[in-house]
PDB file of N, CA and C in Angstrom:
ATOM      1  N   MET A   1      11.886 -20.577   7.766  1.00  0.00           N
ATOM      2  CA  MET A   1      12.481 -20.721   6.983  1.00  0.00           C
ATOM      3  C   MET A   1      11.901 -20.623   5.895  1.00  0.00           C
ATOM      4  N   ALA A   2      12.332 -20.179   4.588  1.00  0.00           N
ATOM      5  CA  ALA A   2      11.688 -20.752   3.600  1.00  0.00           C
ATOM      6  C   ALA A   2      12.929 -21.141   2.387  1.00  0.00           C
ATOM      7  N   THR A   3      12.736 -21.697   1.572  1.00  0.00           N
ATOM      8  CA  THR A   3      14.085 -22.454   0.679  1.00  0.00           C
ATOM      9  C   THR A   3      13.131 -23.053  -0.767  1.00  0.00           C
ATOM     10  N   SER A   4      14.467 -22.775  -2.058  1.00  0.00           N
ATOM     11  CA  SER A   4      13.793 -23.333  -3.253  1.00  0.00           C
ATOM     12  C   SER A   4      13.727 -24.726  -3.599  1.00  0.00           C
ATOM     13  N   ASP A   5      13.055 -25.411  -3.769  1.00  0.00           N
ATOM     14  CA  ASP A   5      13.187 -26.418  -4.664  1.00  0.00           C
ATOM     15  C   ASP A   5      13.844 -26.460  -5.917  1.00  0.00           C
ATOM     16  N   ALA A   6      14.295 -27.680  -6.459  1.00  0.00           N
ATOM     17  CA  ALA A   6      15.164 -27.693  -7.845  1.00  0.00           C
ATOM     18  C   ALA A   6      13.977 -27.254  -8.996  1.00  0.00           C
ATOM     19  N   ASP A   7      12.763 -27.316  -8.181  1.00  0.00           N
ATOM     20  CA  ASP A   7      11.768 -26.584  -9.736  1.00  0.00           C
ATOM     21  C   ASP A   7      11.280 -25.607  -9.732  1.00  0.00           C
ATOM     22  N   ASP A   8      11.636 -24.714  -8.184  1.00  0.00           N
ATOM     23  CA  ASP A   8      11.777 -23.304  -8.236  1.00  0.00           C
ATOM     24  C   ASP A   8      10.590 -23.145  -7.193  1.00  0.00           C
ATOM     25  N   SER A   9      10.076 -24.136  -7.109  1.00  0.00           N
ATOM     26  CA  SER A   9       9.015 -24.250  -5.704  1.00  0.00           C
ATOM     27  C   SER A   9       9.507 -23.635  -4.745  1.00  0.00           C
ATOM     28  N   LEU A  10       9.024 -23.231  -4.016  1.00  0.00           N
ATOM     29  CA  LEU A  10       9.037 -22.824  -2.824  1.00  0.00           C
ATOM     30  C   LEU A  10       8.066 -23.212  -1.576  1.00  0.00           C
ATOM     31  N   ARG A  11       9.234 -23.951  -0.412  1.00  0.00           N
ATOM     32  CA  ARG A  11       8.778 -24.435   0.370  1.00  0.00           C
ATOM     33  C   ARG A  11       8.858 -24.144   1.918  1.00  0.00           C
ATOM     34  N   ILE A  12       8.020 -23.830   2.717  1.00  0.00           N
ATOM     35  CA  ILE A  12       8.388 -22.776   4.136  1.00  0.00           C
ATOM     36  C   ILE A  12       8.239 -23.776   5.277  1.00  0.00           C
ATOM     37  N   ILE A  13       8.931 -23.940   5.992  1.00  0.00           N
ATOM     38  CA  ILE A  13       8.742 -24.371   7.103  1.00  0.00           C
ATOM     39  C   ILE A  13       9.048 -23.613   8.072  1.00  0.00           C
ATOM     40  N   ALA A  14       7.661 -23.348   8.921  1.00  0.00           N
ATOM     41  CA  ALA A  14       7.562 -22.912  10.309  1.00  0.00           C
ATOM     42  C   ALA A  14       6.574 -23.573  11.334  1.00  0.00           C
ATOM     43  N   PRO A  15       7.322 -24.287  11.958  1.00  0.00           N
ATOM     44  CA  PRO A  15       6.932 -25.476  13.278  1.00  0.00           C
ATOM     45  C   PRO A  15       5.833 -24.190  14.093  1.00  0.00           C
ATOM     46  N   PHE A  16       6.293 -23.389  14.234  1.00  0.00           N
ATOM     47  CA  PHE A  16       5.350 -22.496  15.035  1.00  0.00           C
ATOM     48  C   PHE A  16       4.467 -21.584  14.072  1.00  0.00           C
ATOM     49  N   GLY A  17       4.271 -21.974  12.721  1.00  0.00           N
ATOM     50  CA  GLY A  17       3.515 -21.490  12.643  1.00  0.00           C
ATOM     51  C   GLY A  17       4.239 -19.672  11.448  1.00  0.00           C
ATOM     52  N   LEU A  18       3.065 -19.115  10.837  1.00  0.00           N
ATOM     53  CA  LEU A  18       3.543 -18.224  10.138  1.00  0.00           C
ATOM     54  C   LEU A  18       3.918 -17.192  10.358  1.00  0.00           C
ATOM     55  N   ASP A  19       3.413 -16.904  12.181  1.00  0.00           N
ATOM     56  CA  ASP A  19       3.551 -15.779  12.794  1.00  0.00           C
ATOM     57  C   ASP A  19       5.075 -15.082  13.177  1.00  0.00           C
ATOM     58  N   ASP A  20       5.696 -16.484  13.590  1.00  0.00           N
ATOM     59  CA  ASP A  20       6.974 -16.463  13.524  1.00  0.00           C
ATOM     60  C   ASP A  20       7.489 -16.029  12.521  1.00  0.00           C
ATOM     61  N   LEU A  21       7.508 -16.513  11.539  1.00  0.00           N
ATOM     62  CA  LEU A  21       8.078 -16.580  10.257  1.00  0.00           C
ATOM     63  C   LEU A  21       7.539 -14.745   9.572  1.00  0.00           C
ATOM     64  N   PHE A  22       6.639 -14.507   9.799  1.00  0.00           N
ATOM     65  CA  PHE A  22       6.477 -12.914   9.218  1.00  0.00           C
ATOM     66  C   PHE A  22       6.955 -12.272  10.231  1.00  0.00           C
ATOM     67  N   GLY A  23       7.109 -12.214  11.700  1.00  0.00           N
ATOM     68  CA  GLY A  23       7.197 -11.989  12.543  1.00  0.00           C
ATOM     69  C   GLY A  23       8.948 -11.585  12.870  1.00  0.00           C
ATOM     70  N   MET A  24       9.715 -12.729  12.289  1.00  0.00           N
ATOM     71  CA  MET A  24      11.214 -12.494  12.443  1.00  0.00           C
ATOM     72  C   MET A  24      12.019 -12.820  13.124  1.00  0.00           C
ATOM     73  N   MET A  25      10.865 -13.968  13.978  1.00  0.00           N
ATOM     74  CA  MET A  25      11.602 -14.412  15.164  1.00  0.00           C
ATOM     75  C   MET A  25      12.248 -16.475  15.103  1.00  0.00           C
ATOM     76  N   VAL A  26      13.328 -16.229  15.778  1.00  0.00           N
ATOM     77  CA  VAL A  26      13.662 -17.725  15.638  1.00  0.00           C
ATOM     78  C   VAL A  26      13.804 -18.135  17.112  1.00  0.00           C
ATOM     79  N   ARG A  27      13.085 -19.303  17.526  1.00  0.00           N
ATOM     80  CA  ARG A  27      13.012 -19.622  18.630  1.00  0.00           C
ATOM     81  C   ARG A  27      13.574 -21.516  18.180  1.00  0.00           C
ATOM     82  N   ARG A  28      13.402 -22.113  19.367  1.00  0.00           N
ATOM     83  CA  ARG A  28      13.944 -23.596  19.548  1.00  0.00           C
ATOM     84  C   ARG A  28      12.635 -24.115  19.158  1.00  0.00           C
ATOM     85  N   ASN A  29      13.127 -25.150  18.339  1.00  0.00           N
ATOM     86  CA  ASN A  29      11.951 -26.365  18.214  1.00  0.00           C
ATOM     87  C   ASN A  29      12.411 -27.919  19.345  1.00  0.00           C
ATOM     88  N   PRO A  30      11.325 -27.952  20.151  1.00  0.00           N
ATOM     89  CA  PRO A  30      12.105 -29.412  20.907  1.00  0.00           C
ATOM     90  C   PRO A  30      12.358 -30.160  20.701  1.00  0.00           C
ATOM     91  N   ALA A  31      11.570 -30.068  20.152  1.00  0.00           N
ATOM     92  CA  ALA A  31      11.259 -31.658  19.175  1.00  0.00           C
ATOM     93  C   ALA A  31      12.540 -31.937  18.212  1.00  0.00           C
ATOM     94  N   ARG A  32      13.316 -30.953  17.655  1.00  0.00           N
ATOM     95  CA  ARG A  32      14.606 -31.364  17.041  1.00  0.00           C
ATOM     96  C   ARG A  32      15.565 -30.992  17.407  1.00  0.00           C
ATOM     97  N   ALA A  33      15.663 -29.996  18.783  1.00  0.00           N
ATOM     98  CA  ALA A  33      17.086 -29.762  19.283  1.00  0.00           C
ATOM     99  C   ALA A  33      16.643 -29.646  20.826  1.00  0.00           C
ATOM    100  N   SER A  34      17.776 -30.101  21.849  1.00  0.00           N
ATOM    101  CA  SER A  34      17.834 -29.648  22.654  1.00  0.00           C
ATOM    102  C   SER A  34      18.438 -28.049  23.216  1.00  0.00           C
ATOM    103  N   ALA A  35      18.217 -27.524  24.513  1.00  0.00           N
ATOM    104  CA  ALA A  35      18.662 -26.119  24.378  1.00  0.00           C
ATOM    105  C   ALA A  35      19.872 -25.489  24.240  1.00  0.00           C
ATOM    106  N   GLU A  36      20.960 -26.777  24.532  1.00  0.00           N
ATOM    107  CA  GLU A  36      22.478 -26.834  23.916  1.00  0.00           C
ATOM    108  C   GLU A  36      22.695 -26.476  22.691  1.00  0.00           C
ATOM    109  N   ILE A  37      22.247 -27.419  22.358  1.00  0.00           N
ATOM    110  CA  ILE A  37      22.067 -27.631  20.335  1.00  0.00           C
ATOM    111  C   ILE A  37      21.840 -26.165  20.030  1.00  0.00           C
ATOM    112  N   TYR A  38      20.298 -25.707  20.161  1.00  0.00           N
ATOM    113  CA  TYR A  38      20.043 -24.416  19.797  1.00  0.00           C
ATOM    114  C   TYR A  38      20.856 -23.556  20.143  1.00  0.00           C
ATOM    115  N   ARG A  39      21.658 -23.230  21.182  1.00  0.00           N
ATOM    116  CA  ARG A  39      22.115 -22.030  21.915  1.00  0.00           C
ATOM    117  C   ARG A  39      23.702 -22.144  20.930  1.00  0.00           C
ATOM    118  N   ARG A  40      23.876 -23.642  20.076  1.00  0.00           N
ATOM    119  CA  ARG A  40      25.124 -23.393  19.707  1.00  0.00           C
ATOM    120  C   ARG A  40      24.757 -23.247  18.225  1.00  0.00           C
ATOM    121  N   ARG A  41      23.800 -23.403  17.780  1.00  0.00           N
ATOM    122  CA  ARG A  41      23.326 -23.742  16.547  1.00  0.00           C
ATOM    123  C   ARG A  41      22.976 -21.829  16.340  1.00  0.00           C
ATOM    124  N   VAL A  42      22.409 -20.781  16.844  1.00  0.00           N
ATOM    125  CA  VAL A  42      22.339 -19.779  17.016  1.00  0.00           C
ATOM    126  C   VAL A  42      23.472 -19.017  16.782  1.00  0.00           C
ATOM    127  N   ALA A  43      24.353 -19.762  17.881  1.00  0.00           N
ATOM    128  CA  ALA A  43      25.664 -18.725  17.660  1.00  0.00           C
ATOM    129  C   ALA A  43      26.435 -18.966  16.670  1.00  0.00           C
ATOM    130  N   ASP A  44      26.546 -20.344  15.818  1.00  0.00           N
ATOM    131  CA  ASP A  44      27.276 -20.834  14.808  1.00  0.00           C
ATOM    132  C   ASP A  44      26.891 -19.719  13.570  1.00  0.00           C
ATOM    133  N   LYS A  45      25.589 -19.719  13.408  1.00  0.00           N
ATOM    134  CA  LYS A  45      24.221 -19.099  12.132  1.00  0.00           C
ATOM    135  C   LYS A  45      24.679 -17.234  12.503  1.00  0.00           C
ATOM    136  N   ARG A  46      24.816 -16.814  13.476  1.00  0.00           N
ATOM    137  CA  ARG A  46      24.875 -15.391  14.072  1.00  0.00           C
ATOM    138  C   ARG A  46      23.977 -14.994  13.245  1.00  0.00           C
ATOM    139  N   TYR A  47      22.440 -14.894  13.589  1.00  0.00           N
ATOM    140  CA  TYR A  47      21.944 -14.592  12.902  1.00  0.00           C
ATOM    141  C   TYR A  47      21.516 -13.182  13.497  1.00  0.00           C
ATOM    142  N   PRO A  48      21.495 -12.633  14.601  1.00  0.00           N
ATOM    143  CA  PRO A  48      21.545 -11.000  14.975  1.00  0.00           C
ATOM    144  C   PRO A  48      22.767 -10.242  14.179  1.00  0.00           C
ATOM    145  N   GLU A  49      23.264 -10.979  13.472  1.00  0.00           N
ATOM    146  CA  GLU A  49      24.596 -10.031  12.696  1.00  0.00           C
ATOM    147  C   GLU A  49      23.987 -10.081  11.727  1.00  0.00           C
ATOM    148  N   ARG A  50      23.449 -11.657  10.887  1.00  0.00           N
ATOM    149  CA  ARG A  50      23.538 -11.218   9.581  1.00  0.00           C
ATOM    150  C   ARG A  50      21.910 -10.709   9.186  1.00  0.00           C
ATOM    151  N   TRP A  51      21.099 -10.744  10.060  1.00  0.00           N
ATOM    152  CA  TRP A  51      19.885 -10.431  10.170  1.00  0.00           C
ATOM    153  C   TRP A  51      19.525  -9.532  11.366  1.00  0.00           C
ATOM    154  N   PRO A  52      19.758  -7.924  11.630  1.00  0.00           N
ATOM    155  CA  PRO A  52      19.537  -7.005  12.844  1.00  0.00           C
ATOM    156  C   PRO A  52      17.945  -7.120  13.134  1.00  0.00           C
ATOM    157  N   ARG A  53      17.057  -7.414  12.275  1.00  0.00           N
ATOM    158  CA  ARG A  53      16.125  -7.090  12.605  1.00  0.00           C
ATOM    159  C   ARG A  53      14.784  -8.018  13.342  1.00  0.00           C
ATOM    160  N   VAL A  54      15.747  -9.327  13.245  1.00  0.00           N
ATOM    161  CA  VAL A  54      15.474 -10.860  13.630  1.00  0.00           C
ATOM    162  C   VAL A  54      15.911 -10.812  15.375  1.00  0.00           C
ATOM    163  N   THR A  55      14.742 -11.583  15.821  1.00  0.00           N
ATOM    164  CA  THR A  55      14.286 -11.403  17.307  1.00  0.00           C
ATOM    165  C   THR A  55      14.790 -13.397  17.623  1.00  0.00           C
ATOM    166  N   VAL A  56      15.698 -13.383  18.193  1.00  0.00           N
ATOM    167  CA  VAL A  56      16.307 -14.603  18.712  1.00  0.00           C
ATOM    168  C   VAL A  56      15.484 -14.813  19.719  1.00  0.00           C
ATOM    169  N   ILE A  57      14.722 -15.810  20.428  1.00  0.00           N
ATOM    170  CA  ILE A  57      13.996 -16.378  21.409  1.00  0.00           C
ATOM    171  C   ILE A  57      15.007 -16.882  22.250  1.00  0.00           C
ATOM    172  N   HIS A  58      15.161 -16.977  23.479  1.00  0.00           N
ATOM    173  CA  HIS A  58      16.342 -17.818  24.089  1.00  0.00           C
ATOM    174  C   HIS A  58      15.491 -18.335  25.284  1.00  0.00           C
ATOM    175  N   GLU A  59      15.227 -19.707  25.399  1.00  0.00           N
ATOM    176  CA  GLU A  59      14.555 -19.933  26.172  1.00  0.00           C
ATOM    177  C   GLU A  59      15.319 -20.335  27.800  1.00  0.00           C
TER     178      GLU A  59
END
């Protein structure tokens, strides 16, 4: 995930490294979310609908 801060600097959040980011993969970070929360979040955010080239990794 990449976001811009108030000062227009870019902040990259890539807990699994940049390979997933540039490979357009979404996967659960077990330190932050349970499998159930991850599934719900993926459904709520509709990643495949919004970004058809994104691969969602289901564990």
